[in-house]
Amino acid sequence: MKHAATKHIILLFLLVIASGVAMAQPEFQTRPTACTIDKHRFELSLFAPSRYGIGEKTEIFTDVLGDIMIPNVGLKHRWFTKPAEDDGGFLRTRELHFATVHNIDYPGIFFKGVQKYKPSYIPDTCTVPSVITLRNEARLTIMLKKRTNCEPGNFLLTLRAGIKNSFKVGKEATMPPIDRHTLWYRESVVCLDTIVWFVGADLDIHISGKLNLLVDADFYSVDWNVKDWSGEHKLFVYGYFGYKQNIMLQGGVKLMYGTVFGDMKFHALPMLDVSYFFSLKKKRDKGLFGNDISMLTHKHRF
């Protein structure tokens, strides 16, 4: 019954998106890319990180509800943007963006909560570490289909690679890794004397005048020698709504498969999110790819 109800909720969510008001071709999401949110613009999300543009090329973000027991903050900086050229090879005639993303979090509160309410995961005889985890990654975004005077660009590809490690503070930890995929296994394994490295790719596609399709694939490895690994894939459909098209609804599924802790098999998790955009300044500015947009609207940028 629980799975049937979840399927009905997902179906209803997608029908709401598909039946949205008519609009121009929606813009691409910038959150998973090397592009940044506009300066002075907020994105408040229910489960994904919320963001604010502190400059033309820099944004800060935090995941408040998604990681409610793990205080966290991050920064993304776009180091350069190469506009498309009229002549040359594939990369010369495509728009390119490069950025790095850095975030820090403190999972100790979460682990202590697990120890208190789920002692089968972390026995009360264990010492929970005071640990700070760091995640650093590089992203390269490419517009595969060039923008022309007749139609916008399409097929926005983002490649990424990064590493996550930790620093322990205080007493020596005796906490075992949490062998539950739904309980942030990457955060628990990073408390051991090891690292997690990852590579991945995202592809954002305009599929209609109202909707975009976002698919990604990621590979995570525990330690450099691929001691344990996890393959993850997400598929989302999203669109923009509201008078100013400043509400984004998205729904999809996350698939996971791997050998993390030896007992992880195939898992599928439904995912939903709602984001609200607003700006602090009433002015016009340049979009990520050079065309004018209103800071108070959510119009197509590409």
C-alpha atoms as a PDB file:
ATOM      1  CA  MET A   1       0.000   0.000   0.000  1.00  0.00           C
ATOM      2  CA  LYS A   2       2.833   2.361   0.852  1.00  0.00           C
ATOM      3  CA  HIS A   3       4.529   1.864  -2.530  1.00  0.00           C
ATOM      4  CA  ALA A   4       1.204   2.225  -4.362  1.00  0.00           C
ATOM      5  CA  ALA A   5       0.504   5.517  -2.592  1.00  0.00           C
ATOM      6  CA  THR A   6       3.973   6.767  -3.484  1.00  0.00           C
ATOM      7  CA  LYS A   7       3.423   5.917  -7.147  1.00  0.00           C
ATOM      8  CA  HIS A   8       0.113   7.791  -7.131  1.00  0.00           C
ATOM      9  CA  ILE A   9       1.763  10.859  -5.599  1.00  0.00           C
ATOM     10  CA  ILE A  10       4.523  10.805  -8.232  1.00  0.00           C
ATOM     11  CA  LEU A  11       1.962  10.404 -11.036  1.00  0.00           C
ATOM     12  CA  LEU A  12      -0.140  13.276  -9.708  1.00  0.00           C
ATOM     13  CA  PHE A  13       2.950  15.451  -9.399  1.00  0.00           C
ATOM     14  CA  LEU A  14       3.964  14.805 -13.009  1.00  0.00           C
ATOM     15  CA  LEU A  15       0.411  15.475 -14.229  1.00  0.00           C
ATOM     16  CA  VAL A  16       0.450  18.829 -12.451  1.00  0.00           C
ATOM     17  CA  ILE A  17       3.672  19.705 -14.255  1.00  0.00           C
ATOM     18  CA  ALA A  18       2.385  18.525 -17.629  1.00  0.00           C
ATOM     19  CA  SER A  19      -0.844  20.494 -17.282  1.00  0.00           C
ATOM     20  CA  GLY A  20       0.886  23.765 -16.347  1.00  0.00           C
ATOM     21  CA  VAL A  21       0.124  27.052 -17.998  1.00  0.00           C
ATOM     22  CA  ALA A  22       1.608  27.710 -21.429  1.00  0.00           C
ATOM     23  CA  MET A  23       5.012  29.346 -21.338  1.00  0.00           C
ATOM     24  CA  ALA A  24       8.113  29.908 -23.363  1.00  0.00           C
ATOM     25  CA  GLN A  25      10.684  27.161 -23.455  1.00  0.00           C
ATOM     26  CA  PRO A  26      11.861  26.776 -19.824  1.00  0.00           C
ATOM     27  CA  GLU A  27      15.380  27.648 -18.816  1.00  0.00           C
ATOM     28  CA  PHE A  28      17.857  25.031 -17.729  1.00  0.00           C
ATOM     29  CA  GLN A  29      18.591  24.421 -14.077  1.00  0.00           C
ATOM     30  CA  THR A  30      21.891  25.899 -12.980  1.00  0.00           C
ATOM     31  CA  ARG A  31      22.216  24.020  -9.673  1.00  0.00           C
ATOM     32  CA  PRO A  32      23.916  20.861 -11.065  1.00  0.00           C
ATOM     33  CA  THR A  33      25.980  22.776 -13.654  1.00  0.00           C
ATOM     34  CA  ALA A  34      29.075  24.985 -13.723  1.00  0.00           C
ATOM     35  CA  CYS A  35      26.761  28.014 -14.105  1.00  0.00           C
ATOM     36  CA  THR A  36      25.722  30.111 -11.120  1.00  0.00           C
ATOM     37  CA  ILE A  37      22.472  31.719 -10.075  1.00  0.00           C
ATOM     38  CA  ASP A  38      22.054  35.412 -10.945  1.00  0.00           C
ATOM     39  CA  LYS A  39      23.492  38.036  -8.625  1.00  0.00           C
ATOM     40  CA  HIS A  40      21.106  39.028  -5.784  1.00  0.00           C
ATOM     41  CA  ARG A  41      18.750  36.180  -6.642  1.00  0.00           C
ATOM     42  CA  PHE A  42      17.469  33.590  -4.151  1.00  0.00           C
ATOM     43  CA  GLU A  43      16.374  30.022  -4.789  1.00  0.00           C
ATOM     44  CA  LEU A  44      14.573  28.495  -1.817  1.00  0.00           C
ATOM     45  CA  SER A  45      14.120  24.728  -2.157  1.00  0.00           C
ATOM     46  CA  LEU A  46      12.208  22.254  -0.059  1.00  0.00           C
ATOM     47  CA  PHE A  47      14.719  19.388  -0.201  1.00  0.00           C
ATOM     48  CA  ALA A  48      17.551  20.502  -2.506  1.00  0.00           C
ATOM     49  CA  PRO A  49      20.132  23.130  -1.482  1.00  0.00           C
ATOM     50  CA  SER A  50      18.867  26.713  -1.312  1.00  0.00           C
ATOM     51  CA  ARG A  51      21.091  29.268  -3.064  1.00  0.00           C
ATOM     52  CA  TYR A  52      21.886  32.979  -3.248  1.00  0.00           C
ATOM     53  CA  GLY A  53      23.958  34.813  -5.847  1.00  0.00           C
ATOM     54  CA  ILE A  54      26.519  36.970  -4.038  1.00  0.00           C
ATOM     55  CA  GLY A  55      28.206  38.026  -7.285  1.00  0.00           C
ATOM     56  CA  GLU A  56      28.105  37.663 -11.038  1.00  0.00           C
ATOM     57  CA  LYS A  57      30.102  34.425 -10.827  1.00  0.00           C
ATOM     58  CA  THR A  58      29.661  33.268  -7.235  1.00  0.00           C
ATOM     59  CA  GLU A  59      26.868  31.731  -5.219  1.00  0.00           C
ATOM     60  CA  ILE A  60      26.523  30.344  -1.705  1.00  0.00           C
ATOM     61  CA  PHE A  61      24.195  27.496  -0.780  1.00  0.00           C
ATOM     62  CA  THR A  62      22.990  25.352   2.101  1.00  0.00           C
ATOM     63  CA  ASP A  63      20.728  22.329   2.358  1.00  0.00           C
ATOM     64  CA  VAL A  64      18.466  23.175   5.278  1.00  0.00           C
ATOM     65  CA  LEU A  65      15.662  20.611   5.133  1.00  0.00           C
ATOM     66  CA  GLY A  66      17.398  17.909   3.111  1.00  0.00           C
ATOM     67  CA  ASP A  67      20.185  17.739   5.721  1.00  0.00           C
ATOM     68  CA  ILE A  68      18.297  19.147   8.670  1.00  0.00           C
ATOM     69  CA  MET A  69      20.574  17.410  11.202  1.00  0.00           C
ATOM     70  CA  ILE A  70      23.807  18.073   9.302  1.00  0.00           C
ATOM     71  CA  PRO A  71      24.779  21.784   9.388  1.00  0.00           C
ATOM     72  CA  ASN A  72      26.307  22.629   6.031  1.00  0.00           C
ATOM     73  CA  VAL A  73      27.315  25.507   3.783  1.00  0.00           C
ATOM     74  CA  GLY A  74      28.867  25.665   0.338  1.00  0.00           C
ATOM     75  CA  LEU A  75      30.210  27.961  -2.349  1.00  0.00           C
ATOM     76  CA  LYS A  76      30.318  27.681  -6.149  1.00  0.00           C
ATOM     77  CA  HIS A  77      32.504  29.961  -8.258  1.00  0.00           C
ATOM     78  CA  ARG A  78      32.451  30.104 -12.057  1.00  0.00           C
ATOM     79  CA  TRP A  79      36.034  30.738 -13.101  1.00  0.00           C
ATOM     80  CA  PHE A  80      35.469  31.338 -16.783  1.00  0.00           C
ATOM     81  CA  THR A  81      32.911  31.291 -19.592  1.00  0.00           C
ATOM     82  CA  LYS A  82      33.903  30.796 -23.219  1.00  0.00           C
ATOM     83  CA  PRO A  83      31.285  31.981 -25.717  1.00  0.00           C
ATOM     84  CA  ALA A  84      30.656  29.972 -28.855  1.00  0.00           C
ATOM     85  CA  GLU A  85      32.703  30.909 -31.912  1.00  0.00           C
ATOM     86  CA  ASP A  86      31.420  30.855 -35.476  1.00  0.00           C
ATOM     87  CA  ASP A  87      34.227  28.704 -36.867  1.00  0.00           C
ATOM     88  CA  GLY A  88      36.510  25.979 -35.573  1.00  0.00           C
ATOM     89  CA  GLY A  89      36.256  22.557 -33.989  1.00  0.00           C
ATOM     90  CA  PHE A  90      33.536  21.204 -31.740  1.00  0.00           C
ATOM     91  CA  LEU A  91      34.701  22.841 -28.503  1.00  0.00           C
ATOM     92  CA  ARG A  92      35.492  26.178 -30.153  1.00  0.00           C
ATOM     93  CA  THR A  93      31.956  26.445 -31.529  1.00  0.00           C
ATOM     94  CA  ARG A  94      30.301  25.578 -28.209  1.00  0.00           C
ATOM     95  CA  GLU A  95      29.662  27.615 -25.081  1.00  0.00           C
ATOM     96  CA  LEU A  96      31.802  26.367 -22.191  1.00  0.00           C
ATOM     97  CA  HIS A  97      31.701  27.066 -18.464  1.00  0.00           C
ATOM     98  CA  PHE A  98      34.087  25.933 -15.756  1.00  0.00           C
ATOM     99  CA  ALA A  99      33.481  26.151 -12.010  1.00  0.00           C
ATOM    100  CA  THR A 100      34.560  24.636  -8.730  1.00  0.00           C
ATOM    101  CA  VAL A 101      32.214  23.760  -5.880  1.00  0.00           C
ATOM    102  CA  HIS A 102      33.248  23.557  -2.234  1.00  0.00           C
ATOM    103  CA  ASN A 103      31.142  22.698   0.788  1.00  0.00           C
ATOM    104  CA  ILE A 104      31.684  21.861   4.428  1.00  0.00           C
ATOM    105  CA  ASP A 105      29.389  20.091   6.864  1.00  0.00           C
ATOM    106  CA  TYR A 106      29.303  18.778  10.418  1.00  0.00           C
ATOM    107  CA  PRO A 107      27.542  15.371  10.576  1.00  0.00           C
ATOM    108  CA  GLY A 108      28.179  14.801  14.297  1.00  0.00           C
ATOM    109  CA  ILE A 109      24.680  15.952  15.300  1.00  0.00           C
ATOM    110  CA  PHE A 110      23.153  13.485  12.859  1.00  0.00           C
ATOM    111  CA  PHE A 111      25.262  10.570  14.118  1.00  0.00           C
ATOM    112  CA  LYS A 112      24.421  11.339  17.736  1.00  0.00           C
ATOM    113  CA  GLY A 113      20.735  11.391  16.833  1.00  0.00           C
ATOM    114  CA  VAL A 114      21.071   8.013  15.128  1.00  0.00           C
ATOM    115  CA  GLN A 115      22.874   6.669  18.196  1.00  0.00           C
ATOM    116  CA  LYS A 116      20.083   7.893  20.477  1.00  0.00           C
ATOM    117  CA  TYR A 117      17.091   6.751  18.443  1.00  0.00           C
ATOM    118  CA  LYS A 118      18.594   3.847  16.439  1.00  0.00           C
ATOM    119  CA  PRO A 119      21.131   2.157  18.744  1.00  0.00           C
ATOM    120  CA  SER A 120      21.092  -0.877  16.469  1.00  0.00           C
ATOM    121  CA  TYR A 121      22.946   1.268  13.924  1.00  0.00           C
ATOM    122  CA  ILE A 122      25.340   2.957  16.362  1.00  0.00           C
ATOM    123  CA  PRO A 123      25.527   1.252  19.803  1.00  0.00           C
ATOM    124  CA  ASP A 124      25.558   3.575  22.814  1.00  0.00           C
ATOM    125  CA  THR A 125      28.919   2.086  23.793  1.00  0.00           C
ATOM    126  CA  CYS A 126      30.538   3.698  20.741  1.00  0.00           C
ATOM    127  CA  THR A 127      32.172   7.110  20.692  1.00  0.00           C
ATOM    128  CA  VAL A 128      30.633   9.322  18.019  1.00  0.00           C
ATOM    129  CA  PRO A 129      33.321  11.493  16.408  1.00  0.00           C
ATOM    130  CA  SER A 130      33.361  15.262  16.176  1.00  0.00           C
ATOM    131  CA  VAL A 131      34.172  15.423  12.507  1.00  0.00           C
ATOM    132  CA  ILE A 132      34.118  18.057   9.781  1.00  0.00           C
ATOM    133  CA  THR A 133      33.726  16.805   6.225  1.00  0.00           C
ATOM    134  CA  LEU A 134      34.881  18.650   3.116  1.00  0.00           C
ATOM    135  CA  ARG A 135      33.683  18.117  -0.434  1.00  0.00           C
ATOM    136  CA  ASN A 136      35.457  19.684  -3.411  1.00  0.00           C
ATOM    137  CA  GLU A 137      34.610  19.190  -7.056  1.00  0.00           C
ATOM    138  CA  ALA A 138      35.238  20.635 -10.505  1.00  0.00           C
ATOM    139  CA  ARG A 139      32.515  21.048 -13.160  1.00  0.00           C
ATOM    140  CA  LEU A 140      32.630  21.677 -16.899  1.00  0.00           C
ATOM    141  CA  THR A 141      29.384  22.576 -18.687  1.00  0.00           C
ATOM    142  CA  ILE A 142      28.960  22.431 -22.475  1.00  0.00           C
ATOM    143  CA  MET A 143      25.978  23.444 -24.613  1.00  0.00           C
ATOM    144  CA  LEU A 144      25.966  20.581 -27.129  1.00  0.00           C
ATOM    145  CA  LYS A 145      23.396  22.073 -29.502  1.00  0.00           C
ATOM    146  CA  LYS A 146      24.360  25.592 -30.479  1.00  0.00           C
ATOM    147  CA  ARG A 147      22.016  28.491 -29.979  1.00  0.00           C
ATOM    148  CA  THR A 148      20.977  30.166 -33.239  1.00  0.00           C
ATOM    149  CA  ASN A 149      18.852  33.170 -34.193  1.00  0.00           C
ATOM    150  CA  CYS A 150      15.959  30.800 -34.862  1.00  0.00           C
ATOM    151  CA  GLU A 151      16.077  28.516 -31.839  1.00  0.00           C
ATOM    152  CA  PRO A 152      17.704  28.298 -28.412  1.00  0.00           C
ATOM    153  CA  GLY A 153      20.459  25.907 -27.457  1.00  0.00           C
ATOM    154  CA  ASN A 154      19.719  22.457 -26.117  1.00  0.00           C
ATOM    155  CA  PHE A 155      21.373  19.419 -24.554  1.00  0.00           C
ATOM    156  CA  LEU A 156      23.278  21.041 -21.702  1.00  0.00           C
ATOM    157  CA  LEU A 157      25.992  18.590 -20.598  1.00  0.00           C
ATOM    158  CA  THR A 158      27.886  18.880 -17.303  1.00  0.00           C
ATOM    159  CA  LEU A 159      30.909  16.730 -16.405  1.00  0.00           C
ATOM    160  CA  ARG A 160      32.170  16.654 -12.826  1.00  0.00           C
ATOM    161  CA  ALA A 161      34.766  15.013 -10.595  1.00  0.00           C
ATOM    162  CA  GLY A 162      35.543  15.467  -6.923  1.00  0.00           C
ATOM    163  CA  ILE A 163      36.591  14.117  -3.570  1.00  0.00           C
ATOM    164  CA  LYS A 164      35.175  14.064  -0.042  1.00  0.00           C
ATOM    165  CA  ASN A 165      37.273  13.651   3.084  1.00  0.00           C
ATOM    166  CA  SER A 166      37.118  14.521   6.766  1.00  0.00           C
ATOM    167  CA  PHE A 167      38.960  15.963   9.738  1.00  0.00           C
ATOM    168  CA  LYS A 168      38.361  14.543  13.201  1.00  0.00           C
ATOM    169  CA  VAL A 169      38.343  16.693  16.320  1.00  0.00           C
ATOM    170  CA  GLY A 170      38.430  15.570  19.934  1.00  0.00           C
ATOM    171  CA  LYS A 171      38.262  11.992  21.165  1.00  0.00           C
ATOM    172  CA  GLU A 172      39.142   9.040  18.978  1.00  0.00           C
ATOM    173  CA  ALA A 173      35.999   7.651  17.374  1.00  0.00           C
ATOM    174  CA  THR A 174      34.877   4.058  17.781  1.00  0.00           C
ATOM    175  CA  MET A 175      31.760   4.379  15.662  1.00  0.00           C
ATOM    176  CA  PRO A 176      31.158   1.727  12.995  1.00  0.00           C
ATOM    177  CA  PRO A 177      30.021   2.757   9.495  1.00  0.00           C
ATOM    178  CA  ILE A 178      26.256   2.971   9.088  1.00  0.00           C
ATOM    179  CA  ASP A 179      25.391   0.191   6.647  1.00  0.00           C
ATOM    180  CA  ARG A 180      22.065   1.655   5.568  1.00  0.00           C
ATOM    181  CA  HIS A 181      21.891   3.286   2.140  1.00  0.00           C
ATOM    182  CA  THR A 182      19.090   5.610   3.236  1.00  0.00           C
ATOM    183  CA  LEU A 183      21.190   7.033   6.088  1.00  0.00           C
ATOM    184  CA  TRP A 184      23.880   8.901   4.207  1.00  0.00           C
ATOM    185  CA  TYR A 185      26.337   6.038   3.886  1.00  0.00           C
ATOM    186  CA  ARG A 186      28.863   8.315   2.183  1.00  0.00           C
ATOM    187  CA  GLU A 187      28.812  10.619   5.192  1.00  0.00           C
ATOM    188  CA  SER A 188      29.335   7.741   7.605  1.00  0.00           C
ATOM    189  CA  VAL A 189      32.153   6.075   5.692  1.00  0.00           C
ATOM    190  CA  VAL A 190      34.023   9.344   5.410  1.00  0.00           C
ATOM    191  CA  CYS A 191      34.393   9.342   9.198  1.00  0.00           C
ATOM    192  CA  LEU A 192      36.754   6.424   8.799  1.00  0.00           C
ATOM    193  CA  ASP A 193      40.366   6.949   7.767  1.00  0.00           C
ATOM    194  CA  THR A 194      39.572   7.022   4.074  1.00  0.00           C
ATOM    195  CA  ILE A 195      38.136   9.203   1.315  1.00  0.00           C
ATOM    196  CA  VAL A 196      35.274   9.057  -1.159  1.00  0.00           C
ATOM    197  CA  TRP A 197      35.962  10.123  -4.758  1.00  0.00           C
ATOM    198  CA  PHE A 198      33.404  10.465  -7.519  1.00  0.00           C
ATOM    199  CA  VAL A 199      32.864  11.242 -11.178  1.00  0.00           C
ATOM    200  CA  GLY A 200      29.604  11.960 -12.952  1.00  0.00           C
ATOM    201  CA  ALA A 201      27.677  13.620 -15.738  1.00  0.00           C
ATOM    202  CA  ASP A 202      24.352  15.490 -16.103  1.00  0.00           C
ATOM    203  CA  LEU A 203      22.343  16.067 -19.270  1.00  0.00           C
ATOM    204  CA  ASP A 204      19.529  18.628 -19.308  1.00  0.00           C
ATOM    205  CA  ILE A 205      17.175  18.451 -22.306  1.00  0.00           C
ATOM    206  CA  HIS A 206      14.242  20.580 -23.470  1.00  0.00           C
ATOM    207  CA  ILE A 207      11.506  18.040 -24.218  1.00  0.00           C
ATOM    208  CA  SER A 208       8.555  20.403 -24.781  1.00  0.00           C
ATOM    209  CA  GLY A 209       7.509  24.003 -24.464  1.00  0.00           C
ATOM    210  CA  LYS A 210       6.745  23.429 -20.792  1.00  0.00           C
ATOM    211  CA  LEU A 211       9.083  20.736 -19.566  1.00  0.00           C
ATOM    212  CA  ASN A 212      12.725  19.797 -19.253  1.00  0.00           C
ATOM    213  CA  LEU A 213      14.237  16.367 -18.642  1.00  0.00           C
ATOM    214  CA  LEU A 214      17.295  16.050 -16.411  1.00  0.00           C
ATOM    215  CA  VAL A 215      19.223  12.772 -16.257  1.00  0.00           C
ATOM    216  CA  ASP A 216      22.498  12.062 -14.513  1.00  0.00           C
ATOM    217  CA  ALA A 217      24.857   9.210 -13.694  1.00  0.00           C
ATOM    218  CA  ASP A 218      27.439   9.128 -10.899  1.00  0.00           C
ATOM    219  CA  PHE A 219      30.095   6.698  -9.704  1.00  0.00           C
ATOM    220  CA  TYR A 220      31.296   6.834  -6.089  1.00  0.00           C
ATOM    221  CA  SER A 221      34.289   4.917  -4.768  1.00  0.00           C
ATOM    222  CA  VAL A 222      35.384   4.347  -1.183  1.00  0.00           C
ATOM    223  CA  ASP A 223      39.167   4.782  -1.193  1.00  0.00           C
ATOM    224  CA  TRP A 224      41.395   5.099  -4.248  1.00  0.00           C
ATOM    225  CA  ASN A 225      41.574   1.373  -4.924  1.00  0.00           C
ATOM    226  CA  VAL A 226      37.762   1.085  -5.340  1.00  0.00           C
ATOM    227  CA  LYS A 227      37.358  -0.869  -2.125  1.00  0.00           C
ATOM    228  CA  ASP A 228      33.620  -0.389  -2.305  1.00  0.00           C
ATOM    229  CA  TRP A 229      31.599   1.485  -4.886  1.00  0.00           C
ATOM    230  CA  SER A 230      28.161   2.815  -5.724  1.00  0.00           C
ATOM    231  CA  GLY A 231      26.565   3.673  -9.042  1.00  0.00           C
ATOM    232  CA  GLU A 232      23.716   6.173  -8.928  1.00  0.00           C
ATOM    233  CA  HIS A 233      21.325   7.494 -11.532  1.00  0.00           C
ATOM    234  CA  LYS A 234      18.602  10.131 -11.296  1.00  0.00           C
ATOM    235  CA  LEU A 235      15.878  11.049 -13.752  1.00  0.00           C
ATOM    236  CA  PHE A 236      13.780  14.198 -13.263  1.00  0.00           C
ATOM    237  CA  VAL A 237      11.069  16.022 -15.162  1.00  0.00           C
ATOM    238  CA  TYR A 238      10.694  19.665 -14.180  1.00  0.00           C
ATOM    239  CA  GLY A 239       8.936  22.836 -15.228  1.00  0.00           C
ATOM    240  CA  TYR A 240       8.301  26.426 -14.108  1.00  0.00           C
ATOM    241  CA  PHE A 241       4.991  27.880 -12.954  1.00  0.00           C
ATOM    242  CA  GLY A 242       3.499  30.970 -11.383  1.00  0.00           C
ATOM    243  CA  TYR A 243       2.747  34.454 -12.681  1.00  0.00           C
ATOM    244  CA  LYS A 244       6.460  35.198 -13.026  1.00  0.00           C
ATOM    245  CA  GLN A 245       7.411  31.579 -13.655  1.00  0.00           C
ATOM    246  CA  ASN A 246       9.315  31.672 -10.374  1.00  0.00           C
ATOM    247  CA  ILE A 247       8.160  28.324  -8.993  1.00  0.00           C
ATOM    248  CA  MET A 248       9.934  25.183 -10.149  1.00  0.00           C
ATOM    249  CA  LEU A 249       8.368  21.756  -9.633  1.00  0.00           C
ATOM    250  CA  GLN A 250      10.311  18.595 -10.291  1.00  0.00           C
ATOM    251  CA  GLY A 251       9.729  14.910  -9.725  1.00  0.00           C
ATOM    252  CA  GLY A 252      11.556  11.737 -10.589  1.00  0.00           C
ATOM    253  CA  VAL A 253      13.382   8.709  -9.289  1.00  0.00           C
ATOM    254  CA  LYS A 254      16.851   7.891  -7.964  1.00  0.00           C
ATOM    255  CA  LEU A 255      18.346   4.469  -8.692  1.00  0.00           C
ATOM    256  CA  MET A 256      21.319   3.051  -6.760  1.00  0.00           C
ATOM    257  CA  TYR A 257      23.391  -0.073  -7.082  1.00  0.00           C
ATOM    258  CA  GLY A 258      26.733  -1.011  -5.598  1.00  0.00           C
ATOM    259  CA  THR A 259      28.825  -2.929  -3.111  1.00  0.00           C
ATOM    260  CA  VAL A 260      29.118  -0.364  -0.331  1.00  0.00           C
ATOM    261  CA  PHE A 261      29.543  -2.304   2.928  1.00  0.00           C
ATOM    262  CA  GLY A 262      29.002  -5.522   1.005  1.00  0.00           C
ATOM    263  CA  ASP A 263      25.217  -5.750   1.344  1.00  0.00           C
ATOM    264  CA  MET A 264      23.951  -2.963  -0.883  1.00  0.00           C
ATOM    265  CA  LYS A 265      21.940  -4.177  -3.838  1.00  0.00           C
ATOM    266  CA  PHE A 266      19.547  -2.324  -6.113  1.00  0.00           C
ATOM    267  CA  HIS A 267      17.420   0.463  -4.628  1.00  0.00           C
ATOM    268  CA  ALA A 268      14.938   2.924  -6.127  1.00  0.00           C
ATOM    269  CA  LEU A 269      13.784   6.066  -4.316  1.00  0.00           C
ATOM    270  CA  PRO A 270      11.113   8.530  -5.514  1.00  0.00           C
ATOM    271  CA  MET A 271      12.185  12.166  -5.338  1.00  0.00           C
ATOM    272  CA  LEU A 272      10.150  15.376  -5.325  1.00  0.00           C
ATOM    273  CA  ASP A 273      11.152  19.008  -4.896  1.00  0.00           C
ATOM    274  CA  VAL A 274       9.705  22.520  -5.062  1.00  0.00           C
ATOM    275  CA  SER A 275      11.805  25.666  -5.506  1.00  0.00           C
ATOM    276  CA  TYR A 276      10.816  29.325  -5.273  1.00  0.00           C
ATOM    277  CA  PHE A 277      12.877  32.076  -6.935  1.00  0.00           C
ATOM    278  CA  PHE A 278      12.931  35.769  -6.061  1.00  0.00           C
ATOM    279  CA  SER A 279      15.301  38.685  -6.430  1.00  0.00           C
ATOM    280  CA  LEU A 280      16.280  41.623  -4.264  1.00  0.00           C
ATOM    281  CA  LYS A 281      16.793  44.127  -7.075  1.00  0.00           C
ATOM    282  CA  LYS A 282      14.506  45.353  -9.822  1.00  0.00           C
ATOM    283  CA  LYS A 283      16.936  45.652 -12.680  1.00  0.00           C
ATOM    284  CA  ARG A 284      17.871  44.009 -15.896  1.00  0.00           C
ATOM    285  CA  ASP A 285      20.962  41.892 -16.135  1.00  0.00           C
ATOM    286  CA  LYS A 286      22.728  39.556 -18.486  1.00  0.00           C
ATOM    287  CA  GLY A 287      21.738  35.904 -18.508  1.00  0.00           C
ATOM    288  CA  LEU A 288      24.264  33.157 -18.145  1.00  0.00           C
ATOM    289  CA  PHE A 289      24.761  32.974 -21.897  1.00  0.00           C
ATOM    290  CA  GLY A 290      24.641  36.680 -22.709  1.00  0.00           C
ATOM    291  CA  ASN A 291      20.982  37.470 -23.433  1.00  0.00           C
ATOM    292  CA  ASP A 292      19.058  40.011 -21.365  1.00  0.00           C
ATOM    293  CA  ILE A 293      16.689  38.752 -18.715  1.00  0.00           C
ATOM    294  CA  SER A 294      14.633  40.402 -16.034  1.00  0.00           C
ATOM    295  CA  MET A 295      15.929  39.830 -12.536  1.00  0.00           C
ATOM    296  CA  LEU A 296      12.352  39.417 -11.349  1.00  0.00           C
ATOM    297  CA  THR A 297      11.240  36.914 -13.961  1.00  0.00           C
ATOM    298  CA  HIS A 298      12.222  33.369 -14.746  1.00  0.00           C
ATOM    299  CA  LYS A 299      12.419  33.514 -18.520  1.00  0.00           C
ATOM    300  CA  HIS A 300      14.353  31.381 -20.936  1.00  0.00           C
ATOM    301  CA  ARG A 301      18.039  32.313 -20.852  1.00  0.00           C
ATOM    302  CA  PHE A 302      19.614  30.207 -23.560  1.00  0.00           C
END
